[in-house]
Amino acid sequence: LRGLPIAQALENGCWCGAQAVQIPGANTAQLDPSHLPWP
């Protein structure tokens, strides 16, 4: 939705998934839009 190409959206998605598994809870990942691989 922010206009990133598919390759970058895919990388950001994988990064967000990796953050999620490292702490307990279904929605507790502290995702910061400026800290994604492709901010």
PDB file of all heavy atoms in Angstrom:
ATOM      1  N   LEU A   1       0.814  -1.219   0.000  1.00  0.00           N
ATOM      2  CA  LEU A   1       0.000   0.000   0.000  1.00  0.00           C
ATOM      3  C   LEU A   1       0.844   1.265   0.000  1.00  0.00           C
ATOM      4  O   LEU A   1       0.374   2.323  -0.418  1.00  0.00           O
ATOM      5  CB  LEU A   1      -0.950  -0.008   1.192  1.00  0.00           C
ATOM      6  CG  LEU A   1      -2.053  -1.064   1.151  1.00  0.00           C
ATOM      7  CD1 LEU A   1      -2.873  -1.032   2.436  1.00  0.00           C
ATOM      8  CD2 LEU A   1      -2.961  -0.864  -0.061  1.00  0.00           C
ATOM      9  N   ARG A   2       2.083   1.172   0.469  1.00  0.00           N
ATOM     10  CA  ARG A   2       2.987   2.317   0.417  1.00  0.00           C
ATOM     11  C   ARG A   2       3.727   2.409  -0.911  1.00  0.00           C
ATOM     12  O   ARG A   2       4.583   3.261  -1.103  1.00  0.00           O
ATOM     13  CB  ARG A   2       3.996   2.250   1.568  1.00  0.00           C
ATOM     14  CG  ARG A   2       3.386   2.509   2.940  1.00  0.00           C
ATOM     15  CD  ARG A   2       3.042   3.990   3.147  1.00  0.00           C
ATOM     16  NE  ARG A   2       2.619   4.252   4.518  1.00  0.00           N
ATOM     17  CZ  ARG A   2       1.381   4.556   4.880  1.00  0.00           C
ATOM     18  NH1 ARG A   2       0.431   4.659   3.974  1.00  0.00           N
ATOM     19  NH2 ARG A   2       1.083   4.786   6.147  1.00  0.00           N
ATOM     20  N   GLY A   3       3.408   1.485  -1.829  1.00  0.00           N
ATOM     21  CA  GLY A   3       3.947   1.584  -3.176  1.00  0.00           C
ATOM     22  C   GLY A   3       5.247   0.864  -3.425  1.00  0.00           C
ATOM     23  O   GLY A   3       5.843   1.018  -4.492  1.00  0.00           O
ATOM     24  N   LEU A   4       5.701   0.034  -2.484  1.00  0.00           N
ATOM     25  CA  LEU A   4       6.933  -0.706  -2.700  1.00  0.00           C
ATOM     26  C   LEU A   4       6.713  -1.818  -3.724  1.00  0.00           C
ATOM     27  O   LEU A   4       5.631  -2.408  -3.788  1.00  0.00           O
ATOM     28  CB  LEU A   4       7.439  -1.318  -1.392  1.00  0.00           C
ATOM     29  CG  LEU A   4       8.406  -0.471  -0.548  1.00  0.00           C
ATOM     30  CD1 LEU A   4       7.773   0.834  -0.126  1.00  0.00           C
ATOM     31  CD2 LEU A   4       8.884  -1.267   0.667  1.00  0.00           C
ATOM     32  N   PRO A   5       7.729  -2.134  -4.521  1.00  0.00           N
ATOM     33  CA  PRO A   5       7.592  -3.239  -5.470  1.00  0.00           C
ATOM     34  C   PRO A   5       7.498  -4.576  -4.740  1.00  0.00           C
ATOM     35  O   PRO A   5       7.844  -4.683  -3.559  1.00  0.00           O
ATOM     36  CB  PRO A   5       8.873  -3.145  -6.312  1.00  0.00           C
ATOM     37  CG  PRO A   5       9.836  -2.389  -5.472  1.00  0.00           C
ATOM     38  CD  PRO A   5       9.026  -1.455  -4.628  1.00  0.00           C
ATOM     39  N   ILE A   6       7.055  -5.592  -5.450  1.00  0.00           N
ATOM     40  CA  ILE A   6       6.798  -6.888  -4.825  1.00  0.00           C
ATOM     41  C   ILE A   6       8.033  -7.449  -4.133  1.00  0.00           C
ATOM     42  O   ILE A   6       7.935  -7.991  -3.020  1.00  0.00           O
ATOM     43  CB  ILE A   6       6.247  -7.882  -5.867  1.00  0.00           C
ATOM     44  CG1 ILE A   6       4.801  -7.509  -6.211  1.00  0.00           C
ATOM     45  CG2 ILE A   6       6.319  -9.317  -5.353  1.00  0.00           C
ATOM     46  CD1 ILE A   6       4.163  -8.393  -7.263  1.00  0.00           C
ATOM     47  N   ALA A   7       9.197  -7.339  -4.738  1.00  0.00           N
ATOM     48  CA  ALA A   7      10.405  -7.902  -4.134  1.00  0.00           C
ATOM     49  C   ALA A   7      10.665  -7.292  -2.760  1.00  0.00           C
ATOM     50  O   ALA A   7      11.037  -7.998  -1.806  1.00  0.00           O
ATOM     51  CB  ALA A   7      11.610  -7.683  -5.045  1.00  0.00           C
ATOM     52  N   GLN A   8      10.478  -5.991  -2.618  1.00  0.00           N
ATOM     53  CA  GLN A   8      10.713  -5.323  -1.339  1.00  0.00           C
ATOM     54  C   GLN A   8       9.596  -5.624  -0.341  1.00  0.00           C
ATOM     55  O   GLN A   8       9.852  -5.805   0.853  1.00  0.00           O
ATOM     56  CB  GLN A   8      10.856  -3.820  -1.570  1.00  0.00           C
ATOM     57  CG  GLN A   8      12.091  -3.459  -2.387  1.00  0.00           C
ATOM     58  CD  GLN A   8      12.200  -1.974  -2.679  1.00  0.00           C
ATOM     59  OE1 GLN A   8      11.410  -1.166  -2.186  1.00  0.00           O
ATOM     60  NE2 GLN A   8      13.188  -1.601  -3.495  1.00  0.00           N
ATOM     61  N   ALA A   9       8.352  -5.695  -0.821  1.00  0.00           N
ATOM     62  CA  ALA A   9       7.242  -6.061   0.060  1.00  0.00           C
ATOM     63  C   ALA A   9       7.440  -7.471   0.606  1.00  0.00           C
ATOM     64  O   ALA A   9       7.166  -7.742   1.783  1.00  0.00           O
ATOM     65  CB  ALA A   9       5.916  -5.965  -0.696  1.00  0.00           C
ATOM     66  N   LEU A  10       7.949  -8.371  -0.235  1.00  0.00           N
ATOM     67  CA  LEU A  10       8.198  -9.754   0.180  1.00  0.00           C
ATOM     68  C   LEU A  10       9.271  -9.789   1.263  1.00  0.00           C
ATOM     69  O   LEU A  10       9.132 -10.497   2.274  1.00  0.00           O
ATOM     70  CB  LEU A  10       8.639 -10.570  -1.032  1.00  0.00           C
ATOM     71  CG  LEU A  10       8.741 -12.077  -0.870  1.00  0.00           C
ATOM     72  CD1 LEU A  10       7.369 -12.687  -0.635  1.00  0.00           C
ATOM     73  CD2 LEU A  10       9.389 -12.692  -2.133  1.00  0.00           C
ATOM     74  N   GLU A  11      10.323  -9.021   1.087  1.00  0.00           N
ATOM     75  CA  GLU A  11      11.399  -8.982   2.085  1.00  0.00           C
ATOM     76  C   GLU A  11      10.894  -8.400   3.404  1.00  0.00           C
ATOM     77  O   GLU A  11      11.193  -8.923   4.485  1.00  0.00           O
ATOM     78  CB  GLU A  11      12.572  -8.165   1.545  1.00  0.00           C
ATOM     79  CG  GLU A  11      13.836  -8.313   2.360  1.00  0.00           C
ATOM     80  CD  GLU A  11      15.048  -7.708   1.682  1.00  0.00           C
ATOM     81  OE1 GLU A  11      15.012  -7.495   0.456  1.00  0.00           O
ATOM     82  OE2 GLU A  11      16.033  -7.430   2.396  1.00  0.00           O
ATOM     83  N   ASN A  12      10.116  -7.335   3.322  1.00  0.00           N
ATOM     84  CA  ASN A  12       9.554  -6.757   4.547  1.00  0.00           C
ATOM     85  C   ASN A  12       8.618  -7.737   5.246  1.00  0.00           C
ATOM     86  O   ASN A  12       8.601  -7.833   6.483  1.00  0.00           O
ATOM     87  CB  ASN A  12       8.803  -5.464   4.223  1.00  0.00           C
ATOM     88  CG  ASN A  12       9.725  -4.268   4.058  1.00  0.00           C
ATOM     89  OD1 ASN A  12      10.921  -4.351   4.339  1.00  0.00           O
ATOM     90  ND2 ASN A  12       9.185  -3.164   3.589  1.00  0.00           N
ATOM     91  N   GLY A  13       7.820  -8.464   4.469  1.00  0.00           N
ATOM     92  CA  GLY A  13       6.936  -9.448   5.061  1.00  0.00           C
ATOM     93  C   GLY A  13       7.706 -10.527   5.805  1.00  0.00           C
ATOM     94  O   GLY A  13       7.355 -10.891   6.937  1.00  0.00           O
ATOM     95  N   CYS A  14       8.767 -11.035   5.193  1.00  0.00           N
ATOM     96  CA  CYS A  14       9.586 -12.062   5.844  1.00  0.00           C
ATOM     97  C   CYS A  14      10.227 -11.522   7.123  1.00  0.00           C
ATOM     98  O   CYS A  14      10.294 -12.226   8.143  1.00  0.00           O
ATOM     99  CB  CYS A  14      10.667 -12.561   4.887  1.00  0.00           C
ATOM    100  SG  CYS A  14      10.052 -13.638   3.583  1.00  0.00           S
ATOM    101  N   TRP A  15      10.676 -10.286   7.084  1.00  0.00           N
ATOM    102  CA  TRP A  15      11.295  -9.687   8.277  1.00  0.00           C
ATOM    103  C   TRP A  15      10.272  -9.562   9.402  1.00  0.00           C
ATOM    104  O   TRP A  15      10.564  -9.886  10.558  1.00  0.00           O
ATOM    105  CB  TRP A  15      11.862  -8.314   7.920  1.00  0.00           C
ATOM    106  CG  TRP A  15      12.648  -7.677   9.026  1.00  0.00           C
ATOM    107  CD1 TRP A  15      13.981  -7.844   9.302  1.00  0.00           C
ATOM    108  CD2 TRP A  15      12.137  -6.764  10.013  1.00  0.00           C
ATOM    109  NE1 TRP A  15      14.335  -7.093  10.394  1.00  0.00           N
ATOM    110  CE2 TRP A  15      13.231  -6.421  10.855  1.00  0.00           C
ATOM    111  CE3 TRP A  15      10.899  -6.206  10.267  1.00  0.00           C
ATOM    112  CZ2 TRP A  15      13.090  -5.537  11.928  1.00  0.00           C
ATOM    113  CZ3 TRP A  15      10.750  -5.341  11.325  1.00  0.00           C
ATOM    114  CH2 TRP A  15      11.838  -5.011  12.151  1.00  0.00           C
ATOM    115  N   CYS A  16       9.061  -9.132   9.076  1.00  0.00           N
ATOM    116  CA  CYS A  16       8.012  -9.002  10.100  1.00  0.00           C
ATOM    117  C   CYS A  16       7.660 -10.361  10.692  1.00  0.00           C
ATOM    118  O   CYS A  16       7.447 -10.488  11.905  1.00  0.00           O
ATOM    119  CB  CYS A  16       6.772  -8.345   9.509  1.00  0.00           C
ATOM    120  SG  CYS A  16       6.972  -6.583   9.114  1.00  0.00           S
ATOM    121  N   GLY A  17       7.592 -11.376   9.861  1.00  0.00           N
ATOM    122  CA  GLY A  17       7.325 -12.712  10.364  1.00  0.00           C
ATOM    123  C   GLY A  17       8.407 -13.189  11.309  1.00  0.00           C
ATOM    124  O   GLY A  17       8.124 -13.820  12.347  1.00  0.00           O
ATOM    125  N   ALA A  18       9.665 -12.884  10.982  1.00  0.00           N
ATOM    126  CA  ALA A  18      10.787 -13.288  11.844  1.00  0.00           C
ATOM    127  C   ALA A  18      10.751 -12.563  13.186  1.00  0.00           C
ATOM    128  O   ALA A  18      11.119 -13.143  14.220  1.00  0.00           O
ATOM    129  CB  ALA A  18      12.112 -13.019  11.127  1.00  0.00           C
ATOM    130  N   GLN A  19      10.306 -11.314  13.185  1.00  0.00           N
ATOM    131  CA  GLN A  19      10.185 -10.595  14.466  1.00  0.00           C
ATOM    132  C   GLN A  19       9.121 -11.241  15.340  1.00  0.00           C
ATOM    133  O   GLN A  19       9.255 -11.340  16.561  1.00  0.00           O
ATOM    134  CB  GLN A  19       9.834  -9.122  14.236  1.00  0.00           C
ATOM    135  CG  GLN A  19      10.775  -8.360  13.321  1.00  0.00           C
ATOM    136  CD  GLN A  19      12.225  -8.603  13.646  1.00  0.00           C
ATOM    137  OE1 GLN A  19      12.706  -8.315  14.744  1.00  0.00           O
ATOM    138  NE2 GLN A  19      12.958  -9.155  12.683  1.00  0.00           N
ATOM    139  N   ALA A  20       8.037 -11.693  14.712  1.00  0.00           N
ATOM    140  CA  ALA A  20       6.896 -12.212  15.467  1.00  0.00           C
ATOM    141  C   ALA A  20       7.237 -13.470  16.248  1.00  0.00           C
ATOM    142  O   ALA A  20       6.739 -13.669  17.362  1.00  0.00           O
ATOM    143  CB  ALA A  20       5.737 -12.490  14.518  1.00  0.00           C
ATOM    144  N   VAL A  21       8.060 -14.350  15.679  1.00  0.00           N
ATOM    145  CA  VAL A  21       8.298 -15.654  16.329  1.00  0.00           C
ATOM    146  C   VAL A  21       9.252 -15.561  17.513  1.00  0.00           C
ATOM    147  O   VAL A  21       9.408 -16.527  18.257  1.00  0.00           O
ATOM    148  CB  VAL A  21       8.835 -16.690  15.316  1.00  0.00           C
ATOM    149  CG1 VAL A  21       7.857 -16.878  14.173  1.00  0.00           C
ATOM    150  CG2 VAL A  21      10.216 -16.306  14.789  1.00  0.00           C
ATOM    151  N   GLN A  22       9.873 -14.403  17.707  1.00  0.00           N
ATOM    152  CA  GLN A  22      10.907 -14.299  18.741  1.00  0.00           C
ATOM    153  C   GLN A  22      10.381 -13.853  20.101  1.00  0.00           C
ATOM    154  O   GLN A  22      11.129 -13.811  21.076  1.00  0.00           O
ATOM    155  CB  GLN A  22      12.016 -13.354  18.264  1.00  0.00           C
ATOM    156  CG  GLN A  22      12.711 -13.878  17.018  1.00  0.00           C
ATOM    157  CD  GLN A  22      13.900 -13.042  16.598  1.00  0.00           C
ATOM    158  OE1 GLN A  22      14.958 -13.077  17.225  1.00  0.00           O
ATOM    159  NE2 GLN A  22      13.744 -12.285  15.526  1.00  0.00           N
ATOM    160  N   ILE A  23       9.074 -13.546  20.167  1.00  0.00           N
ATOM    161  CA  ILE A  23       8.465 -13.167  21.442  1.00  0.00           C
ATOM    162  C   ILE A  23       7.102 -13.836  21.559  1.00  0.00           C
ATOM    163  O   ILE A  23       6.452 -14.106  20.545  1.00  0.00           O
ATOM    164  CB  ILE A  23       8.317 -11.634  21.592  1.00  0.00           C
ATOM    165  CG1 ILE A  23       7.572 -11.031  20.400  1.00  0.00           C
ATOM    166  CG2 ILE A  23       9.668 -10.963  21.768  1.00  0.00           C
ATOM    167  CD1 ILE A  23       7.322  -9.557  20.527  1.00  0.00           C
ATOM    168  N   PRO A  24       6.640 -14.115  22.774  1.00  0.00           N
ATOM    169  CA  PRO A  24       5.335 -14.769  22.928  1.00  0.00           C
ATOM    170  C   PRO A  24       4.192 -13.844  22.508  1.00  0.00           C
ATOM    171  O   PRO A  24       4.271 -12.626  22.653  1.00  0.00           O
ATOM    172  CB  PRO A  24       5.264 -15.062  24.439  1.00  0.00           C
ATOM    173  CG  PRO A  24       6.666 -14.946  24.937  1.00  0.00           C
ATOM    174  CD  PRO A  24       7.326 -13.930  24.060  1.00  0.00           C
ATOM    175  N   GLY A  25       3.133 -14.440  21.981  1.00  0.00           N
ATOM    176  CA  GLY A  25       1.943 -13.674  21.639  1.00  0.00           C
ATOM    177  C   GLY A  25       1.706 -13.597  20.144  1.00  0.00           C
ATOM    178  O   GLY A  25       2.643 -13.663  19.341  1.00  0.00           O
ATOM    179  N   ALA A  26       0.443 -13.432  19.783  1.00  0.00           N
ATOM    180  CA  ALA A  26       0.058 -13.462  18.377  1.00  0.00           C
ATOM    181  C   ALA A  26       0.244 -12.133  17.662  1.00  0.00           C
ATOM    182  O   ALA A  26       0.311 -12.094  16.437  1.00  0.00           O
ATOM    183  CB  ALA A  26      -1.397 -13.901  18.258  1.00  0.00           C
ATOM    184  N   ASN A  27       0.301 -11.026  18.396  1.00  0.00           N
ATOM    185  CA  ASN A  27       0.387  -9.712  17.753  1.00  0.00           C
ATOM    186  C   ASN A  27       1.279  -8.760  18.541  1.00  0.00           C
ATOM    187  O   ASN A  27       1.049  -7.560  18.561  1.00  0.00           O
ATOM    188  CB  ASN A  27      -1.017  -9.112  17.579  1.00  0.00           C
ATOM    189  CG  ASN A  27      -1.831  -9.196  18.859  1.00  0.00           C
ATOM    190  OD1 ASN A  27      -1.417  -8.683  19.902  1.00  0.00           O
ATOM    191  ND2 ASN A  27      -2.986  -9.849  18.800  1.00  0.00           N
ATOM    192  N   THR A  28       2.277  -9.330  19.193  1.00  0.00           N
ATOM    193  CA  THR A  28       3.128  -8.552  20.092  1.00  0.00           C
ATOM    194  C   THR A  28       4.405  -8.039  19.434  1.00  0.00           C
ATOM    195  O   THR A  28       5.157  -7.297  20.066  1.00  0.00           O
ATOM    196  CB  THR A  28       3.503  -9.393  21.321  1.00  0.00           C
ATOM    197  OG1 THR A  28       3.982 -10.671  20.877  1.00  0.00           O
ATOM    198  CG2 THR A  28       2.303  -9.612  22.222  1.00  0.00           C
ATOM    199  N   ALA A  29       4.670  -8.437  18.190  1.00  0.00           N
ATOM    200  CA  ALA A  29       5.879  -7.968  17.507  1.00  0.00           C
ATOM    201  C   ALA A  29       5.878  -6.444  17.428  1.00  0.00           C
ATOM    202  O   ALA A  29       4.891  -5.834  17.009  1.00  0.00           O
ATOM    203  CB  ALA A  29       5.957  -8.565  16.107  1.00  0.00           C
ATOM    204  N   GLN A  30       6.968  -5.846  17.848  1.00  0.00           N
ATOM    205  CA  GLN A  30       7.073  -4.381  17.846  1.00  0.00           C
ATOM    206  C   GLN A  30       7.571  -3.904  16.481  1.00  0.00           C
ATOM    207  O   GLN A  30       8.754  -3.637  16.286  1.00  0.00           O
ATOM    208  CB  GLN A  30       7.998  -3.924  18.975  1.00  0.00           C
ATOM    209  CG  GLN A  30       7.463  -4.245  20.360  1.00  0.00           C
ATOM    210  CD  GLN A  30       6.065  -3.686  20.581  1.00  0.00           C
ATOM    211  OE1 GLN A  30       5.837  -2.481  20.432  1.00  0.00           O
ATOM    212  NE2 GLN A  30       5.122  -4.558  20.937  1.00  0.00           N
ATOM    213  N   LEU A  31       6.652  -3.838  15.549  1.00  0.00           N
ATOM    214  CA  LEU A  31       6.985  -3.467  14.177  1.00  0.00           C
ATOM    215  C   LEU A  31       7.020  -1.953  14.043  1.00  0.00           C
ATOM    216  O   LEU A  31       6.061  -1.276  14.391  1.00  0.00           O
ATOM    217  CB  LEU A  31       5.957  -4.057  13.210  1.00  0.00           C
ATOM    218  CG  LEU A  31       5.731  -5.572  13.309  1.00  0.00           C
ATOM    219  CD1 LEU A  31       4.717  -6.013  12.259  1.00  0.00           C
ATOM    220  CD2 LEU A  31       7.036  -6.336  13.155  1.00  0.00           C
ATOM    221  N   ASP A  32       8.119  -1.451  13.552  1.00  0.00           N
ATOM    222  CA  ASP A  32       8.299  -0.012  13.348  1.00  0.00           C
ATOM    223  C   ASP A  32       8.496   0.220  11.856  1.00  0.00           C
ATOM    224  O   ASP A  32       9.433  -0.337  11.269  1.00  0.00           O
ATOM    225  CB  ASP A  32       9.526   0.473  14.135  1.00  0.00           C
ATOM    226  CG  ASP A  32       9.705   1.984  14.078  1.00  0.00           C
ATOM    227  OD1 ASP A  32       9.407   2.582  13.026  1.00  0.00           O
ATOM    228  OD2 ASP A  32      10.170   2.564  15.079  1.00  0.00           O
ATOM    229  N   PRO A  33       7.649   1.031  11.222  1.00  0.00           N
ATOM    230  CA  PRO A  33       7.756   1.197   9.766  1.00  0.00           C
ATOM    231  C   PRO A  33       9.099   1.755   9.312  1.00  0.00           C
ATOM    232  O   PRO A  33       9.514   1.511   8.178  1.00  0.00           O
ATOM    233  CB  PRO A  33       6.615   2.158   9.433  1.00  0.00           C
ATOM    234  CG  PRO A  33       6.233   2.804  10.723  1.00  0.00           C
ATOM    235  CD  PRO A  33       6.527   1.804  11.789  1.00  0.00           C
ATOM    236  N   SER A  34       9.774   2.466  10.186  1.00  0.00           N
ATOM    237  CA  SER A  34      11.068   3.039   9.790  1.00  0.00           C
ATOM    238  C   SER A  34      12.217   2.068   9.957  1.00  0.00           C
ATOM    239  O   SER A  34      13.338   2.340   9.508  1.00  0.00           O
ATOM    240  CB  SER A  34      11.350   4.306  10.622  1.00  0.00           C
ATOM    241  OG  SER A  34      11.491   3.987  11.993  1.00  0.00           O
ATOM    242  N   HIS A  35      11.982   0.920  10.605  1.00  0.00           N
ATOM    243  CA  HIS A  35      13.035  -0.053  10.855  1.00  0.00           C
ATOM    244  C   HIS A  35      12.946  -1.287   9.974  1.00  0.00           C
ATOM    245  O   HIS A  35      13.738  -2.225  10.155  1.00  0.00           O
ATOM    246  CB  HIS A  35      13.025  -0.469  12.336  1.00  0.00           C
ATOM    247  CG  HIS A  35      13.409   0.641  13.262  1.00  0.00           C
ATOM    248  ND1 HIS A  35      13.144   0.616  14.617  1.00  0.00           N
ATOM    249  CD2 HIS A  35      14.012   1.843  13.018  1.00  0.00           C
ATOM    250  CE1 HIS A  35      13.588   1.724  15.175  1.00  0.00           C
ATOM    251  NE2 HIS A  35      14.113   2.491  14.236  1.00  0.00           N
ATOM    252  N   LEU A  36      12.011  -1.333   9.059  1.00  0.00           N
ATOM    253  CA  LEU A  36      11.912  -2.461   8.153  1.00  0.00           C
ATOM    254  C   LEU A  36      13.101  -2.466   7.201  1.00  0.00           C
ATOM    255  O   LEU A  36      13.736  -1.424   6.988  1.00  0.00           O
ATOM    256  CB  LEU A  36      10.611  -2.382   7.346  1.00  0.00           C
ATOM    257  CG  LEU A  36       9.375  -3.063   7.944  1.00  0.00           C
ATOM    258  CD1 LEU A  36       9.040  -2.537   9.322  1.00  0.00           C
ATOM    259  CD2 LEU A  36       8.186  -2.938   7.004  1.00  0.00           C
ATOM    260  N   PRO A  37      13.444  -3.615   6.606  1.00  0.00           N
ATOM    261  CA  PRO A  37      14.545  -3.634   5.622  1.00  0.00           C
ATOM    262  C   PRO A  37      14.364  -2.575   4.533  1.00  0.00           C
ATOM    263  O   PRO A  37      15.337  -1.967   4.091  1.00  0.00           O
ATOM    264  CB  PRO A  37      14.473  -5.055   5.059  1.00  0.00           C
ATOM    265  CG  PRO A  37      13.860  -5.871   6.143  1.00  0.00           C
ATOM    266  CD  PRO A  37      12.870  -4.958   6.824  1.00  0.00           C
ATOM    267  N   TRP A  38      13.118  -2.412   4.102  1.00  0.00           N
ATOM    268  CA  TRP A  38      12.763  -1.338   3.176  1.00  0.00           C
ATOM    269  C   TRP A  38      11.778  -0.443   3.910  1.00  0.00           C
ATOM    270  O   TRP A  38      10.582  -0.720   3.958  1.00  0.00           O
ATOM    271  CB  TRP A  38      12.150  -1.908   1.897  1.00  0.00           C
ATOM    272  CG  TRP A  38      13.110  -2.780   1.141  1.00  0.00           C
ATOM    273  CD1 TRP A  38      13.212  -4.137   1.210  1.00  0.00           C
ATOM    274  CD2 TRP A  38      14.124  -2.345   0.240  1.00  0.00           C
ATOM    275  NE1 TRP A  38      14.232  -4.584   0.411  1.00  0.00           N
ATOM    276  CE2 TRP A  38      14.809  -3.500  -0.214  1.00  0.00           C
ATOM    277  CE3 TRP A  38      14.532  -1.091  -0.239  1.00  0.00           C
ATOM    278  CZ2 TRP A  38      15.866  -3.439  -1.112  1.00  0.00           C
ATOM    279  CZ3 TRP A  38      15.586  -1.029  -1.135  1.00  0.00           C
ATOM    280  CH2 TRP A  38      16.243  -2.193  -1.567  1.00  0.00           C
ATOM    281  N   PRO A  39      12.285   0.635   4.535  1.00  0.00           N
ATOM    282  CA  PRO A  39      11.434   1.474   5.393  1.00  0.00           C
ATOM    283  C   PRO A  39      10.232   2.035   4.655  1.00  0.00           C
ATOM    284  O   PRO A  39      10.270   2.306   3.455  1.00  0.00           O
ATOM    285  CB  PRO A  39      12.390   2.596   5.840  1.00  0.00           C
ATOM    286  CG  PRO A  39      13.758   2.007   5.689  1.00  0.00           C
ATOM    287  CD  PRO A  39      13.672   1.095   4.500  1.00  0.00           C
TER     288      PRO A  39
END
